[in-house]
C-alpha atoms as a PDB file:
ATOM      1  CA  MET A   1     105.131 111.113  76.240  1.00  0.00           C
ATOM      2  CA  VAL A   2     105.047 111.023  80.022  1.00  0.00           C
ATOM      3  CA  LYS A   3     102.631 112.889  82.252  1.00  0.00           C
ATOM      4  CA  VAL A   4     103.023 112.917  86.020  1.00  0.00           C
ATOM      5  CA  ILE A   5     100.083 113.614  88.305  1.00  0.00           C
ATOM      6  CA  MET A   6     101.683 114.763  91.543  1.00  0.00           C
ATOM      7  CA  GLY A   7     100.275 115.938  94.831  1.00  0.00           C
ATOM      8  CA  LEU A   8     100.004 115.143  98.493  1.00  0.00           C
ATOM      9  CA  LYS A   9      97.673 112.468  99.807  1.00  0.00           C
ATOM     10  CA  GLY A  10      94.043 113.509  99.373  1.00  0.00           C
ATOM     11  CA  SER A  11      94.731 116.010  96.598  1.00  0.00           C
ATOM     12  CA  GLY A  12      92.642 114.144  93.984  1.00  0.00           C
ATOM     13  CA  LYS A  13      95.385 112.354  92.048  1.00  0.00           C
ATOM     14  CA  THR A  14      93.562 109.037  91.826  1.00  0.00           C
ATOM     15  CA  LYS A  15      90.314 110.702  90.772  1.00  0.00           C
ATOM     16  CA  GLN A  16      92.176 112.493  87.974  1.00  0.00           C
ATOM     17  CA  LEU A  17      93.877 109.230  86.969  1.00  0.00           C
ATOM     18  CA  ILE A  18      90.557 107.360  86.848  1.00  0.00           C
ATOM     19  CA  GLN A  19      89.070 110.058  84.626  1.00  0.00           C
ATOM     20  CA  SER A  20      92.096 109.880  82.297  1.00  0.00           C
ATOM     21  CA  ILE A  21      91.853 106.081  82.090  1.00  0.00           C
ATOM     22  CA  ASN A  22      88.147 106.128  81.274  1.00  0.00           C
ATOM     23  CA  GLU A  23      88.676 108.793  78.609  1.00  0.00           C
ATOM     24  CA  ALA A  24      91.550 106.797  77.087  1.00  0.00           C
ATOM     25  CA  VAL A  25      89.570 103.577  76.684  1.00  0.00           C
ATOM     26  CA  VAL A  26      86.928 105.540  74.759  1.00  0.00           C
ATOM     27  CA  SER A  27      89.231 107.630  72.568  1.00  0.00           C
ATOM     28  CA  ASP A  28      92.276 105.406  71.977  1.00  0.00           C
ATOM     29  CA  SER A  29      92.289 102.733  69.314  1.00  0.00           C
ATOM     30  CA  GLY A  30      94.841 100.577  71.171  1.00  0.00           C
ATOM     31  CA  SER A  31      94.998  98.801  74.495  1.00  0.00           C
ATOM     32  CA  VAL A  32      95.048 100.681  77.794  1.00  0.00           C
ATOM     33  CA  VAL A  33      96.855  99.241  80.822  1.00  0.00           C
ATOM     34  CA  CYS A  34      96.847 100.369  84.450  1.00  0.00           C
ATOM     35  CA  ILE A  35      99.399  99.129  86.976  1.00  0.00           C
ATOM     36  CA  GLU A  36      98.385  99.633  90.592  1.00  0.00           C
ATOM     37  CA  LYS A  37      99.202  98.262  94.024  1.00  0.00           C
ATOM     38  CA  GLY A  38      96.166  96.222  95.080  1.00  0.00           C
ATOM     39  CA  SER A  39      92.792  96.381  93.380  1.00  0.00           C
ATOM     40  CA  ALA A  40      91.360  99.719  94.531  1.00  0.00           C
ATOM     41  CA  LEU A  41      90.482 100.871  91.009  1.00  0.00           C
ATOM     42  CA  ARG A  42      88.675  97.707  89.964  1.00  0.00           C
ATOM     43  CA  TYR A  43      85.173  99.198  90.185  1.00  0.00           C
ATOM     44  CA  ASP A  44      86.085 102.724  89.085  1.00  0.00           C
ATOM     45  CA  VAL A  45      87.688 102.156  85.693  1.00  0.00           C
ATOM     46  CA  SER A  46      86.175 100.758  82.536  1.00  0.00           C
ATOM     47  CA  TYR A  47      86.327  97.007  82.038  1.00  0.00           C
ATOM     48  CA  ARG A  48      88.205  97.691  78.790  1.00  0.00           C
ATOM     49  CA  CYS A  49      91.281  98.780  80.752  1.00  0.00           C
ATOM     50  CA  ARG A  50      93.659  95.950  81.687  1.00  0.00           C
ATOM     51  CA  LEU A  51      94.216  96.325  85.443  1.00  0.00           C
ATOM     52  CA  ILE A  52      97.389  94.796  86.833  1.00  0.00           C
ATOM     53  CA  ASP A  53      98.105  94.387  90.546  1.00  0.00           C
ATOM     54  CA  ALA A  54     101.833  95.072  90.901  1.00  0.00           C
ATOM     55  CA  GLY A  55     101.853  93.150  94.179  1.00  0.00           C
ATOM     56  CA  GLU A  56     101.120  89.907  92.349  1.00  0.00           C
ATOM     57  CA  TYR A  57     104.329  90.284  90.334  1.00  0.00           C
ATOM     58  CA  GLN A  58     106.661  91.644  93.031  1.00  0.00           C
ATOM     59  CA  LEU A  59     107.513  94.812  91.103  1.00  0.00           C
ATOM     60  CA  TYR A  60     109.483  96.327  93.946  1.00  0.00           C
ATOM     61  CA  GLY A  61     112.161  98.230  92.075  1.00  0.00           C
ATOM     62  CA  TYR A  62     112.753 100.456  89.116  1.00  0.00           C
ATOM     63  CA  THR A  63     114.555  97.774  87.104  1.00  0.00           C
ATOM     64  CA  PHE A  64     111.812  95.223  87.722  1.00  0.00           C
ATOM     65  CA  LEU A  65     109.149  97.704  86.638  1.00  0.00           C
ATOM     66  CA  LYS A  66     111.058  98.555  83.443  1.00  0.00           C
ATOM     67  CA  GLY A  67     111.357  94.857  82.620  1.00  0.00           C
ATOM     68  CA  PHE A  68     107.675  94.338  83.330  1.00  0.00           C
ATOM     69  CA  ILE A  69     106.698  97.193  81.008  1.00  0.00           C
ATOM     70  CA  CYS A  70     108.962  95.767  78.290  1.00  0.00           C
ATOM     71  CA  GLY A  71     107.294  92.386  78.764  1.00  0.00           C
ATOM     72  CA  LEU A  72     103.834  93.930  78.502  1.00  0.00           C
ATOM     73  CA  HIS A  73     104.838  95.575  75.242  1.00  0.00           C
ATOM     74  CA  ALA A  74     106.432  92.396  73.906  1.00  0.00           C
ATOM     75  CA  GLY A  75     103.179  90.543  74.567  1.00  0.00           C
ATOM     76  CA  ASN A  76     100.928  93.248  73.126  1.00  0.00           C
ATOM     77  CA  PHE A  77     102.198  95.746  70.550  1.00  0.00           C
ATOM     78  CA  ASP A  78      98.785  97.476  70.595  1.00  0.00           C
ATOM     79  CA  ILE A  79      99.282  99.139  73.993  1.00  0.00           C
ATOM     80  CA  THR A  80      98.916 102.891  73.540  1.00  0.00           C
ATOM     81  CA  LYS A  81      98.759 104.051  77.169  1.00  0.00           C
ATOM     82  CA  ILE A  82     100.133 102.761  80.438  1.00  0.00           C
ATOM     83  CA  PHE A  83      98.874 104.281  83.667  1.00  0.00           C
ATOM     84  CA  ILE A  84     100.691 103.716  86.955  1.00  0.00           C
ATOM     85  CA  ASP A  85      98.809 104.573  90.144  1.00  0.00           C
ATOM     86  CA  SER A  86     100.566 105.324  93.432  1.00  0.00           C
ATOM     87  CA  PHE A  87     104.036 104.921  91.963  1.00  0.00           C
ATOM     88  CA  TYR A  88     105.853 105.179  95.297  1.00  0.00           C
ATOM     89  CA  LYS A  89     103.714 102.383  96.770  1.00  0.00           C
ATOM     90  CA  ILE A  90     104.866 100.073  93.973  1.00  0.00           C
ATOM     91  CA  ILE A  91     108.557 101.005  94.274  1.00  0.00           C
ATOM     92  CA  ALA A  92     109.965  99.650  97.537  1.00  0.00           C
ATOM     93  CA  GLU A  93     112.652 102.301  98.048  1.00  0.00           C
ATOM     94  CA  PRO A  94     111.768 105.386  96.007  1.00  0.00           C
ATOM     95  CA  SER A  95     114.279 108.133  95.354  1.00  0.00           C
ATOM     96  CA  ASP A  96     113.883 111.373  93.424  1.00  0.00           C
ATOM     97  CA  GLU A  97     116.976 110.700  91.323  1.00  0.00           C
ATOM     98  CA  LYS A  98     115.933 107.179  90.318  1.00  0.00           C
ATOM     99  CA  THR A  99     112.369 108.351  89.694  1.00  0.00           C
ATOM    100  CA  ALA A 100     113.639 111.059  87.333  1.00  0.00           C
ATOM    101  CA  GLU A 101     115.731 108.432  85.502  1.00  0.00           C
ATOM    102  CA  PHE A 102     112.708 106.114  85.298  1.00  0.00           C
ATOM    103  CA  LEU A 103     110.530 108.887  83.868  1.00  0.00           C
ATOM    104  CA  ALA A 104     113.194 109.702  81.265  1.00  0.00           C
ATOM    105  CA  TRP A 105     113.334 105.991  80.366  1.00  0.00           C
ATOM    106  CA  CYS A 106     109.512 105.891  80.023  1.00  0.00           C
ATOM    107  CA  ASP A 107     109.655 108.960  77.788  1.00  0.00           C
ATOM    108  CA  GLU A 108     112.228 107.373  75.482  1.00  0.00           C
ATOM    109  CA  PHE A 109     110.533 103.947  75.503  1.00  0.00           C
ATOM    110  CA  GLY A 110     107.202 105.601  74.772  1.00  0.00           C
ATOM    111  CA  LYS A 111     108.599 107.537  71.807  1.00  0.00           C
ATOM    112  CA  GLN A 112     110.148 104.387  70.348  1.00  0.00           C
ATOM    113  CA  ASN A 113     106.964 102.357  70.731  1.00  0.00           C
ATOM    114  CA  ASN A 114     104.162 104.933  70.305  1.00  0.00           C
ATOM    115  CA  MET A 115     103.046 104.699  73.935  1.00  0.00           C
ATOM    116  CA  GLU A 116     102.074 107.269  76.516  1.00  0.00           C
ATOM    117  CA  PHE A 117     102.584 107.004  80.259  1.00  0.00           C
ATOM    118  CA  VAL A 118     100.543 108.656  83.004  1.00  0.00           C
ATOM    119  CA  ILE A 119     101.983 108.182  86.482  1.00  0.00           C
ATOM    120  CA  SER A 120     100.599 109.358  89.822  1.00  0.00           C
ATOM    121  CA  ILE A 121     103.105 110.179  92.558  1.00  0.00           C
ATOM    122  CA  SER A 122     102.317 111.161  96.144  1.00  0.00           C
ATOM    123  CA  GLN A 123     104.717 114.012  96.769  1.00  0.00           C
ATOM    124  CA  ASP A 124     104.531 117.754  97.149  1.00  0.00           C
ATOM    125  CA  PRO A 125     105.181 119.157  93.654  1.00  0.00           C
ATOM    126  CA  ALA A 126     107.082 122.071  95.200  1.00  0.00           C
ATOM    127  CA  THR A 127     109.743 119.691  96.548  1.00  0.00           C
ATOM    128  CA  ALA A 128     110.144 117.664  93.359  1.00  0.00           C
ATOM    129  CA  PRO A 129     113.433 117.975  91.458  1.00  0.00           C
ATOM    130  CA  GLU A 130     113.540 119.345  87.895  1.00  0.00           C
ATOM    131  CA  GLY A 131     113.912 115.816  86.471  1.00  0.00           C
ATOM    132  CA  ILE A 132     110.387 115.083  87.706  1.00  0.00           C
ATOM    133  CA  LYS A 133     108.856 118.570  87.379  1.00  0.00           C
ATOM    134  CA  LYS A 134     109.367 118.638  83.613  1.00  0.00           C
ATOM    135  CA  TYR A 135     106.743 115.882  83.297  1.00  0.00           C
ATOM    136  CA  LEU A 136     104.064 117.655  85.379  1.00  0.00           C
END
């Protein structure tokens, strides 16, 4: 399953993501991971969530991020949820088409491995293509 939290800057996406993370660490029996650019969430999310700074691993493209997620899963089969904050800040050259393909990949990977993804994207939902809108 993939859920996208989409809105313009200042619309409360990060606040909603933080709430979802903190609820997940309480209710889920597996590991919860959050990938972000920088360390802005460090004091807002539960210590039980594994925070990963994407900048430390140079995750600047869709393929790199897919490989990183596969590596996370290979190292820990207990991951039940992966949160990605500020997706377009992590991806160096975002495009709607590649984002839709990435979300479809996450959906399939999640189904195969019993994982859920929650991804925040700074974009006006009205301008998003159908490939992204179906995950809102």
